[in-house]
Amino acid sequence: MWKNVQYDVRKPMAEERRRQKVLVLFQMTYVGAPMIYYGDEAGMWGANDPCCRKPMVWPELAYDAERTAPDGTAHEPDEVGFDGDMHAWYRRLIRLRHASAALREGAYETVLCDDAREVLAFKRSVGEDTAVVVINTSDCKQRVALGELRCAGMWKRVLTGKAEREVVELEAVAGEILVLEKRRLRG
């Protein structure tokens, strides 16, 4: 890896961080046990050996900028530090998964998979608890019809806290991630 001169070992840019957040959301809402490689949640970057052996970054410490590639060649300095925003995102989605039986153990059903529109929507449900995840990675607003998910009751947009009745269609702006949750009210 490190002998490939075209391999880019620089710090991820804002768009790449946004994509990482989408992948984390997918990972925390999809079937199976999520896997986090140490440092991902702190905003660390790297790849194969030796980049994968960087020391952990901690919020209370200051670090020198990274100025060399694994092969020792110099590059523009990349600031190194704990990414509090990324860490908060991981924590928020881990809490979401822990709080939702549907996301932890629910059956999976694809609602929409549209490569041309860059939209994925799926449903997870167990018992009376249901979660719907809509991921719009396109550069434009997308409408997603939820068809059979229409049912009486309140749905909550988990990431914003907004409640909606009888969801039939969702509008997801460019790059938006929606997680809707419906739980049967007990008692």
C-alpha atoms as a PDB file:
ATOM      1  CA  MET A   1       0.000   0.000   0.000  1.00  0.00           C
ATOM      2  CA  TRP A   2       2.561   2.603   1.053  1.00  0.00           C
ATOM      3  CA  LYS A   3       4.605   2.073  -2.126  1.00  0.00           C
ATOM      4  CA  ASN A   4       1.678   3.145  -4.315  1.00  0.00           C
ATOM      5  CA  VAL A   5       2.406   6.823  -5.051  1.00  0.00           C
ATOM      6  CA  GLN A   6      -1.240   7.402  -6.021  1.00  0.00           C
ATOM      7  CA  TYR A   7      -2.552   6.266  -2.633  1.00  0.00           C
ATOM      8  CA  ASP A   8      -3.903   9.353  -0.849  1.00  0.00           C
ATOM      9  CA  VAL A   9      -3.250   9.280   2.893  1.00  0.00           C
ATOM     10  CA  ARG A  10      -4.446  12.821   3.629  1.00  0.00           C
ATOM     11  CA  LYS A  11      -7.030  13.797   6.209  1.00  0.00           C
ATOM     12  CA  PRO A  12     -10.634  13.357   4.971  1.00  0.00           C
ATOM     13  CA  MET A  13     -12.396  16.464   3.696  1.00  0.00           C
ATOM     14  CA  ALA A  14     -15.867  17.645   4.782  1.00  0.00           C
ATOM     15  CA  GLU A  15     -17.720  15.686   2.071  1.00  0.00           C
ATOM     16  CA  GLU A  16     -15.870  12.514   3.023  1.00  0.00           C
ATOM     17  CA  ARG A  17     -16.769  13.057   6.687  1.00  0.00           C
ATOM     18  CA  ARG A  18     -20.417  13.527   5.680  1.00  0.00           C
ATOM     19  CA  ARG A  19     -20.276  10.202   3.839  1.00  0.00           C
ATOM     20  CA  GLN A  20     -18.742   8.577   6.902  1.00  0.00           C
ATOM     21  CA  LYS A  21     -21.715   9.784   8.946  1.00  0.00           C
ATOM     22  CA  VAL A  22     -24.095   8.204   6.423  1.00  0.00           C
ATOM     23  CA  LEU A  23     -22.195   4.918   6.665  1.00  0.00           C
ATOM     24  CA  VAL A  24     -22.279   5.027  10.451  1.00  0.00           C
ATOM     25  CA  LEU A  25     -26.041   5.559  10.387  1.00  0.00           C
ATOM     26  CA  PHE A  26     -26.430   2.639   7.985  1.00  0.00           C
ATOM     27  CA  GLN A  27     -24.231   0.483  10.195  1.00  0.00           C
ATOM     28  CA  MET A  28     -26.207   1.308  13.353  1.00  0.00           C
ATOM     29  CA  THR A  29     -29.613   0.730  11.749  1.00  0.00           C
ATOM     30  CA  TYR A  30     -28.917  -2.301   9.527  1.00  0.00           C
ATOM     31  CA  VAL A  31     -29.027  -5.977  10.442  1.00  0.00           C
ATOM     32  CA  GLY A  32     -26.132  -7.427  12.434  1.00  0.00           C
ATOM     33  CA  ALA A  33     -23.679  -6.205  15.011  1.00  0.00           C
ATOM     34  CA  PRO A  34     -22.022  -2.878  14.111  1.00  0.00           C
ATOM     35  CA  MET A  35     -18.212  -2.921  14.049  1.00  0.00           C
ATOM     36  CA  ILE A  36     -16.198   0.165  14.886  1.00  0.00           C
ATOM     37  CA  TYR A  37     -12.443   0.115  14.319  1.00  0.00           C
ATOM     38  CA  TYR A  38     -10.682   1.996  17.095  1.00  0.00           C
ATOM     39  CA  GLY A  39     -10.362   5.671  16.320  1.00  0.00           C
ATOM     40  CA  ASP A  40     -13.176   5.886  13.751  1.00  0.00           C
ATOM     41  CA  GLU A  41     -15.401   7.455  16.403  1.00  0.00           C
ATOM     42  CA  ALA A  42     -12.655   9.984  17.233  1.00  0.00           C
ATOM     43  CA  GLY A  43     -12.193  11.072  13.612  1.00  0.00           C
ATOM     44  CA  MET A  44      -8.911   9.267  13.021  1.00  0.00           C
ATOM     45  CA  TRP A  45      -7.974   8.335   9.468  1.00  0.00           C
ATOM     46  CA  GLY A  46      -5.658   5.852   7.865  1.00  0.00           C
ATOM     47  CA  ALA A  47      -5.794   2.576   6.058  1.00  0.00           C
ATOM     48  CA  ASN A  48      -3.501  -0.388   5.747  1.00  0.00           C
ATOM     49  CA  ASP A  49      -0.296  -0.892   7.671  1.00  0.00           C
ATOM     50  CA  PRO A  50       1.284   1.274   9.067  1.00  0.00           C
ATOM     51  CA  CYS A  51      -1.574   3.829   9.037  1.00  0.00           C
ATOM     52  CA  CYS A  52      -3.763   1.412  10.991  1.00  0.00           C
ATOM     53  CA  ARG A  53      -1.346   1.538  13.935  1.00  0.00           C
ATOM     54  CA  LYS A  54      -1.515   5.238  14.746  1.00  0.00           C
ATOM     55  CA  PRO A  55      -1.873   5.988  18.451  1.00  0.00           C
ATOM     56  CA  MET A  56      -5.363   6.878  19.656  1.00  0.00           C
ATOM     57  CA  VAL A  57      -6.258  10.578  19.792  1.00  0.00           C
ATOM     58  CA  TRP A  58      -7.853  11.859  22.980  1.00  0.00           C
ATOM     59  CA  PRO A  59      -9.908  15.034  23.488  1.00  0.00           C
ATOM     60  CA  GLU A  60      -7.735  16.425  26.295  1.00  0.00           C
ATOM     61  CA  LEU A  61      -4.433  16.193  24.396  1.00  0.00           C
ATOM     62  CA  ALA A  62      -2.834  18.354  21.691  1.00  0.00           C
ATOM     63  CA  TYR A  63      -1.090  16.759  18.696  1.00  0.00           C
ATOM     64  CA  ASP A  64       1.444  17.786  16.099  1.00  0.00           C
ATOM     65  CA  ALA A  65       0.222  17.994  12.523  1.00  0.00           C
ATOM     66  CA  GLU A  66       0.819  14.943  10.353  1.00  0.00           C
ATOM     67  CA  ARG A  67       3.439  15.966   7.778  1.00  0.00           C
ATOM     68  CA  THR A  68       4.605  12.704   6.198  1.00  0.00           C
ATOM     69  CA  ALA A  69       3.127   9.733   4.408  1.00  0.00           C
ATOM     70  CA  PRO A  70       3.826   6.178   5.611  1.00  0.00           C
ATOM     71  CA  ASP A  71       6.755   5.952   3.185  1.00  0.00           C
ATOM     72  CA  GLY A  72       8.345   9.047   4.748  1.00  0.00           C
ATOM     73  CA  THR A  73       7.594  11.505   1.931  1.00  0.00           C
ATOM     74  CA  ALA A  74       6.529  14.957   3.064  1.00  0.00           C
ATOM     75  CA  HIS A  75       3.064  16.393   2.363  1.00  0.00           C
ATOM     76  CA  GLU A  76       1.038  19.421   3.394  1.00  0.00           C
ATOM     77  CA  PRO A  77       0.382  19.292   7.152  1.00  0.00           C
ATOM     78  CA  ASP A  78      -2.885  17.667   8.237  1.00  0.00           C
ATOM     79  CA  GLU A  79      -4.121  18.837  11.621  1.00  0.00           C
ATOM     80  CA  VAL A  80      -4.558  15.949  14.035  1.00  0.00           C
ATOM     81  CA  GLY A  81      -7.032  16.039  16.881  1.00  0.00           C
ATOM     82  CA  PHE A  82     -10.067  14.497  18.465  1.00  0.00           C
ATOM     83  CA  ASP A  83     -13.202  15.103  16.348  1.00  0.00           C
ATOM     84  CA  GLY A  84     -15.887  15.879  18.929  1.00  0.00           C
ATOM     85  CA  ASP A  85     -18.600  16.175  16.283  1.00  0.00           C
ATOM     86  CA  MET A  86     -17.904  12.698  14.890  1.00  0.00           C
ATOM     87  CA  HIS A  87     -17.698  11.250  18.391  1.00  0.00           C
ATOM     88  CA  ALA A  88     -21.076  12.802  19.283  1.00  0.00           C
ATOM     89  CA  TRP A  89     -22.578  11.332  16.064  1.00  0.00           C
ATOM     90  CA  TYR A  90     -21.388   7.822  16.960  1.00  0.00           C
ATOM     91  CA  ARG A  91     -22.691   8.174  20.522  1.00  0.00           C
ATOM     92  CA  ARG A  92     -26.063   9.445  19.302  1.00  0.00           C
ATOM     93  CA  LEU A  93     -26.529   6.564  16.880  1.00  0.00           C
ATOM     94  CA  ILE A  94     -25.360   3.973  19.378  1.00  0.00           C
ATOM     95  CA  ARG A  95     -27.967   5.336  21.833  1.00  0.00           C
ATOM     96  CA  LEU A  96     -30.578   5.170  19.064  1.00  0.00           C
ATOM     97  CA  ARG A  97     -29.761   1.514  18.400  1.00  0.00           C
ATOM     98  CA  HIS A  98     -29.814   0.632  22.097  1.00  0.00           C
ATOM     99  CA  ALA A  99     -33.183   2.347  22.567  1.00  0.00           C
ATOM    100  CA  SER A 100     -34.883   0.658  19.613  1.00  0.00           C
ATOM    101  CA  ALA A 101     -35.808  -3.020  19.730  1.00  0.00           C
ATOM    102  CA  ALA A 102     -36.623  -2.767  16.017  1.00  0.00           C
ATOM    103  CA  LEU A 103     -33.080  -1.637  15.178  1.00  0.00           C
ATOM    104  CA  ARG A 104     -31.402  -4.173  17.447  1.00  0.00           C
ATOM    105  CA  GLU A 105     -33.347  -7.290  16.603  1.00  0.00           C
ATOM    106  CA  GLY A 106     -36.055  -6.430  14.102  1.00  0.00           C
ATOM    107  CA  ALA A 107     -36.765  -8.212  10.840  1.00  0.00           C
ATOM    108  CA  TYR A 108     -35.426  -6.424   7.761  1.00  0.00           C
ATOM    109  CA  GLU A 109     -37.400  -5.426   4.678  1.00  0.00           C
ATOM    110  CA  THR A 110     -36.211  -3.295   1.755  1.00  0.00           C
ATOM    111  CA  VAL A 111     -38.767  -0.564   1.028  1.00  0.00           C
ATOM    112  CA  LEU A 112     -36.870   1.101  -1.832  1.00  0.00           C
ATOM    113  CA  CYS A 113     -33.489   0.610  -3.460  1.00  0.00           C
ATOM    114  CA  ASP A 114     -33.095   3.052  -6.339  1.00  0.00           C
ATOM    115  CA  ASP A 115     -29.541   3.371  -7.647  1.00  0.00           C
ATOM    116  CA  ALA A 116     -30.501   5.949 -10.285  1.00  0.00           C
ATOM    117  CA  ARG A 117     -31.968   8.271  -7.627  1.00  0.00           C
ATOM    118  CA  GLU A 118     -29.343   7.284  -5.005  1.00  0.00           C
ATOM    119  CA  VAL A 119     -31.978   6.428  -2.418  1.00  0.00           C
ATOM    120  CA  LEU A 120     -32.226   3.477  -0.067  1.00  0.00           C
ATOM    121  CA  ALA A 121     -35.136   2.907   2.298  1.00  0.00           C
ATOM    122  CA  PHE A 122     -35.628  -0.056   4.562  1.00  0.00           C
ATOM    123  CA  LYS A 123     -37.821  -1.113   7.446  1.00  0.00           C
ATOM    124  CA  ARG A 124     -36.907  -2.971  10.628  1.00  0.00           C
ATOM    125  CA  SER A 125     -39.651  -4.267  12.895  1.00  0.00           C
ATOM    126  CA  VAL A 126     -40.157  -6.477  15.891  1.00  0.00           C
ATOM    127  CA  GLY A 127     -43.521  -6.872  17.577  1.00  0.00           C
ATOM    128  CA  GLU A 128     -45.255  -3.515  17.477  1.00  0.00           C
ATOM    129  CA  ASP A 129     -42.046  -1.494  17.127  1.00  0.00           C
ATOM    130  CA  THR A 130     -41.035  -0.336  13.657  1.00  0.00           C
ATOM    131  CA  ALA A 131     -38.209   1.806  12.333  1.00  0.00           C
ATOM    132  CA  VAL A 132     -37.896   3.094   8.774  1.00  0.00           C
ATOM    133  CA  VAL A 133     -34.555   4.374   7.491  1.00  0.00           C
ATOM    134  CA  VAL A 134     -34.332   6.527   4.354  1.00  0.00           C
ATOM    135  CA  ILE A 135     -30.905   7.478   3.007  1.00  0.00           C
ATOM    136  CA  ASN A 136     -30.704  10.002   0.164  1.00  0.00           C
ATOM    137  CA  THR A 137     -27.108  10.305  -1.047  1.00  0.00           C
ATOM    138  CA  SER A 138     -28.047  12.270  -4.170  1.00  0.00           C
ATOM    139  CA  ASP A 139     -27.501  15.974  -4.729  1.00  0.00           C
ATOM    140  CA  CYS A 140     -31.220  16.718  -5.008  1.00  0.00           C
ATOM    141  CA  LYS A 141     -34.467  16.364  -3.101  1.00  0.00           C
ATOM    142  CA  GLN A 142     -36.149  12.961  -3.416  1.00  0.00           C
ATOM    143  CA  ARG A 143     -39.679  11.809  -2.664  1.00  0.00           C
ATOM    144  CA  VAL A 144     -40.065   8.356  -1.203  1.00  0.00           C
ATOM    145  CA  ALA A 145     -43.472   6.671  -1.174  1.00  0.00           C
ATOM    146  CA  LEU A 146     -43.794   4.353   1.776  1.00  0.00           C
ATOM    147  CA  GLY A 147     -46.858   2.485   0.504  1.00  0.00           C
ATOM    148  CA  GLU A 148     -47.763  -0.274   2.935  1.00  0.00           C
ATOM    149  CA  LEU A 149     -46.215   1.557   5.882  1.00  0.00           C
ATOM    150  CA  ARG A 150     -49.179   3.903   5.947  1.00  0.00           C
ATOM    151  CA  CYS A 151     -51.006   3.236   9.149  1.00  0.00           C
ATOM    152  CA  ALA A 152     -52.754   5.098  11.890  1.00  0.00           C
ATOM    153  CA  GLY A 153     -50.661   6.546  14.616  1.00  0.00           C
ATOM    154  CA  MET A 154     -47.699   8.775  15.117  1.00  0.00           C
ATOM    155  CA  TRP A 155     -44.285   8.364  13.532  1.00  0.00           C
ATOM    156  CA  LYS A 156     -41.347  10.210  15.002  1.00  0.00           C
ATOM    157  CA  ARG A 157     -38.385  11.508  13.009  1.00  0.00           C
ATOM    158  CA  VAL A 158     -35.767  10.276  15.429  1.00  0.00           C
ATOM    159  CA  LEU A 159     -32.943  12.613  14.373  1.00  0.00           C
ATOM    160  CA  THR A 160     -35.085  15.771  14.674  1.00  0.00           C
ATOM    161  CA  GLY A 161     -37.760  14.712  17.169  1.00  0.00           C
ATOM    162  CA  LYS A 162     -40.556  15.857  14.837  1.00  0.00           C
ATOM    163  CA  ALA A 163     -43.736  13.757  15.025  1.00  0.00           C
ATOM    164  CA  GLU A 164     -45.928  13.037  11.990  1.00  0.00           C
ATOM    165  CA  ARG A 165     -49.266  11.300  11.469  1.00  0.00           C
ATOM    166  CA  GLU A 166     -50.049   8.749   8.778  1.00  0.00           C
ATOM    167  CA  VAL A 167     -46.801   8.884   6.842  1.00  0.00           C
ATOM    168  CA  VAL A 168     -47.454   8.037   3.194  1.00  0.00           C
ATOM    169  CA  GLU A 169     -44.600   9.830   1.480  1.00  0.00           C
ATOM    170  CA  LEU A 170     -41.389  11.386   2.682  1.00  0.00           C
ATOM    171  CA  GLU A 171     -39.352  14.145   1.160  1.00  0.00           C
ATOM    172  CA  ALA A 172     -35.616  13.809   1.711  1.00  0.00           C
ATOM    173  CA  VAL A 173     -33.467  16.781   0.775  1.00  0.00           C
ATOM    174  CA  ALA A 174     -30.057  16.273  -0.838  1.00  0.00           C
ATOM    175  CA  GLY A 175     -27.827  14.167   1.363  1.00  0.00           C
ATOM    176  CA  GLU A 176     -30.522  13.719   4.020  1.00  0.00           C
ATOM    177  CA  ILE A 177     -30.850  10.725   6.305  1.00  0.00           C
ATOM    178  CA  LEU A 178     -34.240  10.040   7.877  1.00  0.00           C
ATOM    179  CA  VAL A 179     -35.025   7.580  10.624  1.00  0.00           C
ATOM    180  CA  LEU A 180     -38.689   7.209  11.506  1.00  0.00           C
ATOM    181  CA  GLU A 181     -39.805   5.215  14.471  1.00  0.00           C
ATOM    182  CA  LYS A 182     -43.189   3.980  15.511  1.00  0.00           C
ATOM    183  CA  ARG A 183     -43.778   2.295  18.825  1.00  0.00           C
ATOM    184  CA  ARG A 184     -47.019   0.946  20.115  1.00  0.00           C
ATOM    185  CA  LEU A 185     -48.019   2.957  23.154  1.00  0.00           C
ATOM    186  CA  ARG A 186     -48.296   0.659  26.146  1.00  0.00           C
ATOM    187  CA  GLY A 187     -51.185   0.763  28.615  1.00  0.00           C
END
